[in-house]
């Protein structure tokens, strides 16, 4: 893939993730307002919002051909060798800072794509 196409895909992914995380923040504010008055409704609303956000993220990244990998309990990783991009979602860095996402570009310099058969 060309650098320009990779940049375009990265920009589109960033815009999508920014929109989804902003919606998630708004939903959390709504949940906190509901929790004091209607805890059961707030809990249900939170679960539905989380499922919708997870589904939208999966749909967006899968649509670009990214593969999903679990890093640990706290992080998810999506990789596209086609675009040379990795998207880390919801992780805590070694220095303790929390990130909603980080996009990293890489070059594939070699590999054994197929087994001899």
N, C-alpha and C. Protein backbone atom coordinates (compact mmCIF):
# COMPACT_ATOMS: atom_id res chain seq x y z
N UNK A 1 0.83 -1.18 0.00
CA UNK A 1 0.00 0.00 0.00
C UNK A 1 0.87 1.24 0.00
N UNK A 2 0.40 2.24 -0.66
CA UNK A 2 1.12 3.50 -0.69
C UNK A 2 0.92 4.28 0.59
N UNK A 3 1.86 5.12 0.86
CA UNK A 3 1.82 5.94 2.07
C UNK A 3 0.58 6.82 2.12
N UNK A 4 0.21 7.36 0.98
CA UNK A 4 -0.96 8.24 0.92
C UNK A 4 -2.24 7.49 1.28
N UNK A 5 -2.37 6.27 0.77
CA UNK A 5 -3.56 5.46 1.08
C UNK A 5 -3.57 5.07 2.56
N UNK A 6 -2.41 4.72 3.10
CA UNK A 6 -2.29 4.39 4.51
C UNK A 6 -2.67 5.58 5.38
N UNK A 7 -2.20 6.77 5.01
CA UNK A 7 -2.54 7.98 5.76
C UNK A 7 -4.04 8.24 5.73
N UNK A 8 -4.66 8.03 4.58
CA UNK A 8 -6.10 8.23 4.45
C UNK A 8 -6.87 7.27 5.35
N UNK A 9 -6.46 6.00 5.36
CA UNK A 9 -7.12 5.01 6.20
C UNK A 9 -6.91 5.36 7.67
N UNK A 10 -5.70 5.75 8.05
CA UNK A 10 -5.42 6.12 9.44
C UNK A 10 -6.28 7.31 9.86
N UNK A 11 -6.42 8.31 8.99
CA UNK A 11 -7.25 9.48 9.31
C UNK A 11 -8.71 9.08 9.49
N UNK A 12 -9.19 8.20 8.63
CA UNK A 12 -10.58 7.76 8.74
C UNK A 12 -10.81 6.96 10.02
N UNK A 13 -9.85 6.13 10.37
CA UNK A 13 -9.96 5.35 11.61
C UNK A 13 -9.94 6.29 12.81
N UNK A 14 -9.04 7.28 12.81
CA UNK A 14 -8.98 8.23 13.92
C UNK A 14 -10.29 9.00 14.07
N UNK A 15 -10.86 9.44 12.96
CA UNK A 15 -12.12 10.18 13.02
C UNK A 15 -13.23 9.29 13.58
N UNK A 16 -13.28 8.04 13.13
CA UNK A 16 -14.30 7.11 13.62
C UNK A 16 -14.14 6.85 15.10
N UNK A 17 -12.89 6.56 15.54
CA UNK A 17 -12.66 6.28 16.95
C UNK A 17 -12.92 7.50 17.82
N UNK A 18 -12.51 8.68 17.36
CA UNK A 18 -12.78 9.90 18.12
C UNK A 18 -14.28 10.10 18.32
N UNK A 19 -15.05 9.89 17.26
CA UNK A 19 -16.50 10.03 17.34
C UNK A 19 -17.09 9.02 18.32
N UNK A 20 -16.63 7.78 18.24
CA UNK A 20 -17.16 6.74 19.13
C UNK A 20 -16.80 7.00 20.59
N UNK A 21 -15.58 7.44 20.84
CA UNK A 21 -15.18 7.70 22.23
C UNK A 21 -15.86 8.94 22.78
N UNK A 22 -16.15 9.92 21.95
CA UNK A 22 -16.91 11.09 22.39
C UNK A 22 -18.33 10.67 22.77
N UNK A 23 -18.94 9.83 21.96
CA UNK A 23 -20.28 9.31 22.26
C UNK A 23 -20.25 8.51 23.56
N UNK A 24 -19.18 7.76 23.78
CA UNK A 24 -19.04 6.97 25.01
C UNK A 24 -18.96 7.90 26.22
N UNK A 25 -18.23 9.01 26.11
CA UNK A 25 -18.13 9.96 27.22
C UNK A 25 -19.50 10.56 27.53
N UNK A 26 -20.24 10.92 26.49
CA UNK A 26 -21.59 11.46 26.69
C UNK A 26 -22.48 10.43 27.39
N UNK A 27 -22.38 9.18 26.96
CA UNK A 27 -23.18 8.12 27.57
C UNK A 27 -22.82 7.94 29.04
N UNK A 28 -21.52 8.03 29.37
CA UNK A 28 -21.11 7.90 30.77
C UNK A 28 -21.68 9.03 31.63
N UNK A 29 -21.75 10.23 31.06
CA UNK A 29 -22.36 11.34 31.79
C UNK A 29 -23.84 11.08 32.03
N UNK A 30 -24.52 10.55 31.03
CA UNK A 30 -25.93 10.21 31.19
C UNK A 30 -26.12 9.13 32.24
N UNK A 31 -25.25 8.14 32.23
CA UNK A 31 -25.33 7.05 33.19
C UNK A 31 -25.12 7.58 34.61
N UNK A 32 -24.12 8.44 34.79
CA UNK A 32 -23.87 8.95 36.14
C UNK A 32 -25.04 9.79 36.64
N UNK A 33 -25.72 10.49 35.74
CA UNK A 33 -26.90 11.25 36.13
C UNK A 33 -28.06 10.33 36.52
N UNK A 34 -28.15 9.19 35.86
CA UNK A 34 -29.22 8.23 36.15
C UNK A 34 -28.95 7.37 37.38
N UNK A 35 -27.68 7.10 37.67
CA UNK A 35 -27.33 6.13 38.71
C UNK A 35 -27.95 6.44 40.06
N UNK A 36 -27.97 7.69 40.44
CA UNK A 36 -28.51 8.05 41.75
C UNK A 36 -30.02 7.80 41.84
N UNK A 37 -30.70 7.98 40.72
CA UNK A 37 -32.16 7.87 40.74
C UNK A 37 -32.67 6.50 40.29
N UNK A 38 -32.04 5.95 39.26
CA UNK A 38 -32.53 4.69 38.69
C UNK A 38 -31.34 3.81 38.35
N UNK A 39 -30.80 3.14 39.37
CA UNK A 39 -29.58 2.36 39.20
C UNK A 39 -29.74 1.25 38.16
N UNK A 40 -30.84 0.51 38.20
CA UNK A 40 -31.03 -0.60 37.25
C UNK A 40 -31.07 -0.10 35.81
N UNK A 41 -31.77 0.99 35.58
CA UNK A 41 -31.84 1.57 34.24
C UNK A 41 -30.46 2.06 33.80
N UNK A 42 -29.73 2.68 34.70
CA UNK A 42 -28.39 3.17 34.37
C UNK A 42 -27.46 2.02 34.00
N UNK A 43 -27.53 0.92 34.73
CA UNK A 43 -26.69 -0.24 34.45
C UNK A 43 -27.03 -0.84 33.09
N UNK A 44 -28.30 -0.96 32.79
CA UNK A 44 -28.72 -1.49 31.49
C UNK A 44 -28.27 -0.58 30.36
N UNK A 45 -28.45 0.72 30.55
CA UNK A 45 -28.05 1.69 29.54
C UNK A 45 -26.55 1.61 29.28
N UNK A 46 -25.75 1.50 30.36
CA UNK A 46 -24.29 1.40 30.23
C UNK A 46 -23.91 0.15 29.44
N UNK A 47 -24.52 -0.98 29.74
CA UNK A 47 -24.20 -2.22 29.03
C UNK A 47 -24.54 -2.11 27.54
N UNK A 48 -25.69 -1.54 27.23
CA UNK A 48 -26.09 -1.38 25.83
C UNK A 48 -25.12 -0.46 25.10
N UNK A 49 -24.73 0.65 25.72
CA UNK A 49 -23.80 1.59 25.10
C UNK A 49 -22.45 0.93 24.84
N UNK A 50 -21.96 0.15 25.79
CA UNK A 50 -20.68 -0.53 25.62
C UNK A 50 -20.74 -1.54 24.48
N UNK A 51 -21.84 -2.29 24.39
CA UNK A 51 -21.98 -3.26 23.30
C UNK A 51 -22.04 -2.56 21.96
N UNK A 52 -22.76 -1.45 21.88
CA UNK A 52 -22.87 -0.70 20.63
C UNK A 52 -21.51 -0.14 20.21
N UNK A 53 -20.75 0.40 21.17
CA UNK A 53 -19.44 0.96 20.85
C UNK A 53 -18.49 -0.14 20.38
N UNK A 54 -18.47 -1.27 21.09
CA UNK A 54 -17.61 -2.39 20.69
C UNK A 54 -17.96 -2.88 19.30
N UNK A 55 -19.24 -2.98 19.01
CA UNK A 55 -19.70 -3.44 17.71
C UNK A 55 -19.30 -2.45 16.60
N UNK A 56 -19.44 -1.16 16.87
CA UNK A 56 -19.09 -0.14 15.87
C UNK A 56 -17.59 -0.14 15.59
N UNK A 57 -16.78 -0.30 16.65
CA UNK A 57 -15.33 -0.35 16.46
C UNK A 57 -14.96 -1.58 15.65
N UNK A 58 -15.53 -2.72 16.01
CA UNK A 58 -15.24 -3.96 15.28
C UNK A 58 -15.64 -3.84 13.81
N UNK A 59 -16.80 -3.27 13.57
CA UNK A 59 -17.29 -3.10 12.20
C UNK A 59 -16.36 -2.20 11.39
N UNK A 60 -15.94 -1.09 12.00
CA UNK A 60 -15.08 -0.14 11.29
C UNK A 60 -13.73 -0.76 10.95
N UNK A 61 -13.08 -1.40 11.93
CA UNK A 61 -11.75 -1.95 11.69
C UNK A 61 -11.81 -3.20 10.82
N UNK A 62 -12.80 -4.03 11.01
CA UNK A 62 -12.95 -5.21 10.15
C UNK A 62 -13.21 -4.80 8.71
N UNK A 63 -13.94 -3.70 8.54
CA UNK A 63 -14.23 -3.21 7.20
C UNK A 63 -12.99 -2.82 6.42
N UNK A 64 -11.93 -2.44 7.13
CA UNK A 64 -10.66 -2.13 6.49
C UNK A 64 -9.75 -3.35 6.41
N UNK A 65 -10.23 -4.50 6.84
CA UNK A 65 -9.44 -5.72 6.75
C UNK A 65 -8.48 -5.94 7.91
N UNK A 66 -8.69 -5.26 9.02
CA UNK A 66 -7.84 -5.47 10.20
C UNK A 66 -8.20 -6.79 10.87
N UNK A 67 -7.19 -7.45 11.41
CA UNK A 67 -7.39 -8.65 12.20
C UNK A 67 -7.30 -8.30 13.67
N UNK A 68 -8.07 -9.01 14.50
CA UNK A 68 -8.15 -8.72 15.94
C UNK A 68 -7.26 -9.66 16.73
N UNK A 69 -6.56 -9.10 17.72
CA UNK A 69 -5.70 -9.88 18.61
C UNK A 69 -5.88 -9.37 20.03
N UNK A 70 -5.95 -10.28 21.00
CA UNK A 70 -6.03 -9.89 22.40
C UNK A 70 -4.61 -9.79 22.93
N UNK A 71 -4.27 -8.65 23.52
CA UNK A 71 -2.94 -8.45 24.07
C UNK A 71 -2.92 -8.93 25.52
N UNK A 72 -3.83 -8.42 26.33
CA UNK A 72 -4.02 -8.86 27.70
C UNK A 72 -5.42 -8.44 28.12
N UNK A 73 -5.72 -8.51 29.42
CA UNK A 73 -7.06 -8.17 29.88
C UNK A 73 -7.42 -6.71 29.65
N UNK A 74 -6.41 -5.88 29.51
CA UNK A 74 -6.63 -4.45 29.44
C UNK A 74 -6.52 -3.86 28.03
N UNK A 75 -6.10 -4.65 27.05
CA UNK A 75 -5.83 -4.05 25.74
C UNK A 75 -6.27 -4.96 24.61
N UNK A 76 -6.61 -4.31 23.51
CA UNK A 76 -6.93 -5.01 22.26
C UNK A 76 -5.98 -4.50 21.19
N UNK A 77 -5.72 -5.33 20.21
CA UNK A 77 -4.84 -4.95 19.11
C UNK A 77 -5.49 -5.36 17.80
N UNK A 78 -5.53 -4.44 16.87
CA UNK A 78 -6.01 -4.69 15.52
C UNK A 78 -4.84 -4.44 14.58
N UNK A 79 -4.58 -5.37 13.65
CA UNK A 79 -3.44 -5.25 12.75
C UNK A 79 -3.90 -5.41 11.30
N UNK A 80 -3.37 -4.53 10.44
CA UNK A 80 -3.56 -4.66 9.01
C UNK A 80 -2.19 -4.64 8.34
N UNK A 81 -1.77 -5.79 7.85
CA UNK A 81 -0.51 -5.83 7.10
C UNK A 81 -0.66 -5.12 5.77
N UNK A 82 -1.87 -5.12 5.23
CA UNK A 82 -2.12 -4.45 3.95
C UNK A 82 -1.81 -2.96 4.03
N UNK A 83 -2.24 -2.32 5.11
CA UNK A 83 -2.01 -0.89 5.28
C UNK A 83 -0.79 -0.59 6.15
N UNK A 84 -0.22 -1.61 6.78
CA UNK A 84 0.93 -1.39 7.67
C UNK A 84 0.55 -0.58 8.89
N UNK A 85 -0.62 -0.91 9.47
CA UNK A 85 -1.12 -0.17 10.63
C UNK A 85 -1.48 -1.13 11.76
N UNK A 86 -1.21 -0.70 12.98
CA UNK A 86 -1.67 -1.39 14.18
C UNK A 86 -2.49 -0.38 14.98
N UNK A 87 -3.64 -0.82 15.49
CA UNK A 87 -4.47 0.03 16.32
C UNK A 87 -4.59 -0.65 17.69
N UNK A 88 -4.02 0.00 18.71
CA UNK A 88 -4.15 -0.48 20.08
C UNK A 88 -5.35 0.23 20.70
N UNK A 89 -6.25 -0.52 21.30
CA UNK A 89 -7.44 0.07 21.90
C UNK A 89 -7.44 -0.10 23.41
N UNK A 90 -7.82 0.95 24.10
CA UNK A 90 -8.05 0.92 25.55
C UNK A 90 -6.96 0.22 26.31
N UNK A 91 -5.83 0.88 26.46
CA UNK A 91 -4.72 0.25 27.16
C UNK A 91 -4.04 1.23 28.10
N UNK A 92 -3.35 0.68 29.07
CA UNK A 92 -2.57 1.47 30.01
C UNK A 92 -1.10 1.28 29.66
N UNK A 93 -0.41 2.37 29.41
CA UNK A 93 1.02 2.32 29.06
C UNK A 93 1.82 1.95 30.31
N UNK A 94 3.06 1.47 30.11
CA UNK A 94 3.90 1.12 31.26
C UNK A 94 4.09 2.26 32.26
N UNK A 95 4.01 3.50 31.80
CA UNK A 95 4.17 4.63 32.72
C UNK A 95 2.88 4.99 33.45
N UNK A 96 1.81 4.19 33.23
CA UNK A 96 0.56 4.39 33.95
C UNK A 96 -0.46 5.25 33.23
N UNK A 97 -0.09 5.86 32.11
CA UNK A 97 -1.06 6.68 31.37
C UNK A 97 -2.03 5.79 30.63
N UNK A 98 -3.30 6.19 30.61
CA UNK A 98 -4.35 5.42 29.95
C UNK A 98 -4.65 6.04 28.58
N UNK A 99 -4.78 5.19 27.57
CA UNK A 99 -5.09 5.63 26.21
C UNK A 99 -6.35 4.93 25.72
N UNK A 100 -7.20 5.68 25.03
CA UNK A 100 -8.34 5.05 24.36
C UNK A 100 -7.85 4.30 23.13
N UNK A 101 -6.92 4.92 22.40
CA UNK A 101 -6.35 4.23 21.24
C UNK A 101 -5.02 4.86 20.86
N UNK A 102 -4.26 4.07 20.14
CA UNK A 102 -3.00 4.55 19.56
C UNK A 102 -2.85 3.82 18.22
N UNK A 103 -2.54 4.57 17.18
CA UNK A 103 -2.34 3.99 15.85
C UNK A 103 -0.85 4.06 15.53
N UNK A 104 -0.31 2.93 15.13
CA UNK A 104 1.12 2.82 14.83
C UNK A 104 1.26 2.30 13.41
N UNK A 105 2.13 2.93 12.62
CA UNK A 105 2.40 2.40 11.28
C UNK A 105 3.67 1.57 11.33
N UNK A 106 3.75 0.61 10.42
CA UNK A 106 4.93 -0.25 10.37
C UNK A 106 5.16 -0.70 8.94
N UNK A 107 6.35 -1.19 8.67
CA UNK A 107 6.68 -1.77 7.37
C UNK A 107 6.84 -3.26 7.54
N UNK A 108 6.29 -4.02 6.63
CA UNK A 108 6.49 -5.46 6.62
C UNK A 108 7.76 -5.69 5.80
N UNK A 109 8.80 -6.17 6.44
CA UNK A 109 10.08 -6.31 5.75
C UNK A 109 10.38 -7.75 5.35
N UNK A 110 9.55 -8.65 5.77
CA UNK A 110 9.76 -10.05 5.39
C UNK A 110 8.80 -10.94 6.12
N UNK A 111 8.75 -12.16 5.71
CA UNK A 111 7.88 -13.11 6.39
C UNK A 111 7.62 -14.30 5.51
N UNK A 112 7.21 -15.33 6.14
CA UNK A 112 6.89 -16.58 5.45
C UNK A 112 5.37 -16.69 5.40
N UNK A 113 4.77 -16.18 4.34
CA UNK A 113 3.32 -16.11 4.23
C UNK A 113 2.63 -17.44 3.99
N UNK A 114 3.30 -18.39 3.37
CA UNK A 114 2.66 -19.67 3.06
C UNK A 114 3.61 -20.81 3.37
N UNK A 115 2.99 -21.89 3.81
CA UNK A 115 3.80 -23.07 4.09
C UNK A 115 3.98 -23.89 2.82
N UNK A 116 5.12 -24.51 2.68
CA UNK A 116 5.34 -25.40 1.53
C UNK A 116 4.50 -26.64 1.71
N UNK A 117 3.86 -27.05 0.67
CA UNK A 117 2.96 -28.19 0.86
C UNK A 117 3.15 -29.16 -0.17
